[in-house]
Amino acid sequence: MIRRILFPVDFSSSRLAIAPFVKRAATMFGAEVPLVHVCDLGSHNGFELYARPATNIAREHWSLALRNLSFFLNLSFLLQNPGAYF
């Protein structure tokens, strides 16, 4: 029996297209769907470091990743309160 379906999320159109199938499979098997999204908080260019501190850049990247993930969850899985899952 399948209990978990690991679903990597990169916000691409192919992930949006496959989401309904993942949701259906999870429903069929009574499985949970943990999502994986990698957010590189250290990725920035030299100009960004010149303009503001690295901690501010990391916070902005984290905030953007959470906003995108929330949008993806709401769009793909029609959650009532996606913010509750973070």
C-alpha atoms as a PDB file:
ATOM      1  CA  MET A   1       0.000   0.000   0.000  1.00  0.00           C
ATOM      2  CA  ILE A   2       1.232   3.467  -0.844  1.00  0.00           C
ATOM      3  CA  ARG A   3       1.165   5.766   2.188  1.00  0.00           C
ATOM      4  CA  ARG A   4       3.167   8.754   0.923  1.00  0.00           C
ATOM      5  CA  ILE A   5       3.689  10.307  -2.496  1.00  0.00           C
ATOM      6  CA  LEU A   6       6.658  12.666  -2.483  1.00  0.00           C
ATOM      7  CA  PHE A   7       5.906  15.529  -4.856  1.00  0.00           C
ATOM      8  CA  PRO A   8       8.805  17.829  -5.844  1.00  0.00           C
ATOM      9  CA  VAL A   9       7.570  21.322  -6.656  1.00  0.00           C
ATOM     10  CA  ASP A  10       9.379  23.820  -8.861  1.00  0.00           C
ATOM     11  CA  PHE A  11       6.313  25.842  -9.932  1.00  0.00           C
ATOM     12  CA  SER A  12       6.742  24.833 -13.568  1.00  0.00           C
ATOM     13  CA  SER A  13       3.861  24.184 -15.944  1.00  0.00           C
ATOM     14  CA  SER A  14       4.673  20.465 -15.938  1.00  0.00           C
ATOM     15  CA  ARG A  15       4.219  20.342 -12.138  1.00  0.00           C
ATOM     16  CA  LEU A  16       0.898  22.137 -12.446  1.00  0.00           C
ATOM     17  CA  ALA A  17      -0.161  19.639 -15.103  1.00  0.00           C
ATOM     18  CA  ILE A  18       0.722  16.564 -13.037  1.00  0.00           C
ATOM     19  CA  ALA A  19      -0.768  17.843  -9.751  1.00  0.00           C
ATOM     20  CA  PRO A  20      -4.316  16.543 -10.441  1.00  0.00           C
ATOM     21  CA  PHE A  21      -2.915  13.055 -11.048  1.00  0.00           C
ATOM     22  CA  VAL A  22      -0.925  13.184  -7.816  1.00  0.00           C
ATOM     23  CA  LYS A  23      -4.028  14.326  -5.966  1.00  0.00           C
ATOM     24  CA  ARG A  24      -6.100  11.515  -7.492  1.00  0.00           C
ATOM     25  CA  ALA A  25      -3.487   8.879  -6.666  1.00  0.00           C
ATOM     26  CA  ALA A  26      -3.322  10.149  -3.089  1.00  0.00           C
ATOM     27  CA  THR A  27      -7.102   9.929  -2.807  1.00  0.00           C
ATOM     28  CA  MET A  28      -7.174   6.422  -4.270  1.00  0.00           C
ATOM     29  CA  PHE A  29      -4.535   5.126  -1.862  1.00  0.00           C
ATOM     30  CA  GLY A  30      -5.413   7.292   1.124  1.00  0.00           C
ATOM     31  CA  ALA A  31      -1.859   8.631   0.936  1.00  0.00           C
ATOM     32  CA  GLU A  32      -0.423  11.894   2.163  1.00  0.00           C
ATOM     33  CA  VAL A  33       1.484  14.120  -0.235  1.00  0.00           C
ATOM     34  CA  PRO A  34       4.556  15.788   1.246  1.00  0.00           C
ATOM     35  CA  LEU A  35       5.823  18.551  -1.034  1.00  0.00           C
ATOM     36  CA  VAL A  36       9.494  19.298  -1.550  1.00  0.00           C
ATOM     37  CA  HIS A  37      10.707  22.667  -2.747  1.00  0.00           C
ATOM     38  CA  VAL A  38      14.326  23.747  -2.492  1.00  0.00           C
ATOM     39  CA  CYS A  39      14.833  27.384  -1.657  1.00  0.00           C
ATOM     40  CA  ASP A  40      18.457  28.481  -1.849  1.00  0.00           C
ATOM     41  CA  LEU A  41      18.562  31.337   0.639  1.00  0.00           C
ATOM     42  CA  GLY A  42      22.201  31.996  -0.214  1.00  0.00           C
ATOM     43  CA  SER A  43      21.687  32.545  -3.924  1.00  0.00           C
ATOM     44  CA  HIS A  44      22.183  36.152  -4.882  1.00  0.00           C
ATOM     45  CA  ASN A  45      24.336  38.208  -7.125  1.00  0.00           C
ATOM     46  CA  GLY A  46      27.097  40.570  -6.125  1.00  0.00           C
ATOM     47  CA  PHE A  47      24.982  43.662  -6.700  1.00  0.00           C
ATOM     48  CA  GLU A  48      22.358  42.478  -4.217  1.00  0.00           C
ATOM     49  CA  LEU A  49      25.045  42.082  -1.542  1.00  0.00           C
ATOM     50  CA  TYR A  50      26.278  45.576  -2.284  1.00  0.00           C
ATOM     51  CA  ALA A  51      22.772  47.027  -1.983  1.00  0.00           C
ATOM     52  CA  ARG A  52      21.562  45.243   1.183  1.00  0.00           C
ATOM     53  CA  PRO A  53      22.530  42.711   3.836  1.00  0.00           C
ATOM     54  CA  ALA A  54      22.513  38.973   3.046  1.00  0.00           C
ATOM     55  CA  THR A  55      19.956  38.332   5.814  1.00  0.00           C
ATOM     56  CA  ASN A  56      17.463  40.635   4.085  1.00  0.00           C
ATOM     57  CA  ILE A  57      18.039  38.841   0.781  1.00  0.00           C
ATOM     58  CA  ALA A  58      17.517  35.447   2.451  1.00  0.00           C
ATOM     59  CA  ARG A  59      14.277  36.660   4.090  1.00  0.00           C
ATOM     60  CA  GLU A  60      13.016  37.904   0.740  1.00  0.00           C
ATOM     61  CA  HIS A  61      13.844  34.582  -0.963  1.00  0.00           C
ATOM     62  CA  TRP A  62      12.097  32.665   1.848  1.00  0.00           C
ATOM     63  CA  SER A  63       9.030  34.901   1.632  1.00  0.00           C
ATOM     64  CA  LEU A  64       8.851  34.506  -2.144  1.00  0.00           C
ATOM     65  CA  ALA A  65       9.178  30.710  -1.877  1.00  0.00           C
ATOM     66  CA  LEU A  66       6.367  30.544   0.712  1.00  0.00           C
ATOM     67  CA  ARG A  67       4.127  32.756  -1.409  1.00  0.00           C
ATOM     68  CA  ASN A  68       4.744  30.613  -4.508  1.00  0.00           C
ATOM     69  CA  LEU A  69       4.188  27.390  -2.578  1.00  0.00           C
ATOM     70  CA  SER A  70       0.971  28.716  -1.067  1.00  0.00           C
ATOM     71  CA  PHE A  71      -0.278  29.739  -4.513  1.00  0.00           C
ATOM     72  CA  PHE A  72       0.668  26.322  -5.932  1.00  0.00           C
ATOM     73  CA  LEU A  73      -1.112  24.469  -3.123  1.00  0.00           C
ATOM     74  CA  ASN A  74      -4.236  26.558  -3.450  1.00  0.00           C
ATOM     75  CA  LEU A  75      -4.297  26.216  -7.233  1.00  0.00           C
ATOM     76  CA  SER A  76      -3.415  22.520  -7.427  1.00  0.00           C
ATOM     77  CA  PHE A  77      -5.020  21.095  -4.323  1.00  0.00           C
ATOM     78  CA  LEU A  78      -7.706  23.705  -3.592  1.00  0.00           C
ATOM     79  CA  LEU A  79      -6.824  24.089   0.054  1.00  0.00           C
ATOM     80  CA  GLN A  80      -8.924  26.361   2.185  1.00  0.00           C
ATOM     81  CA  ASN A  81      -6.005  27.598   4.282  1.00  0.00           C
ATOM     82  CA  PRO A  82      -2.654  26.790   2.631  1.00  0.00           C
ATOM     83  CA  GLY A  83      -0.730  29.022   5.048  1.00  0.00           C
ATOM     84  CA  ALA A  84      -1.521  26.575   7.845  1.00  0.00           C
ATOM     85  CA  TYR A  85       0.775  23.974   6.319  1.00  0.00           C
ATOM     86  CA  PHE A  86       4.042  25.937   6.672  1.00  0.00           C
END
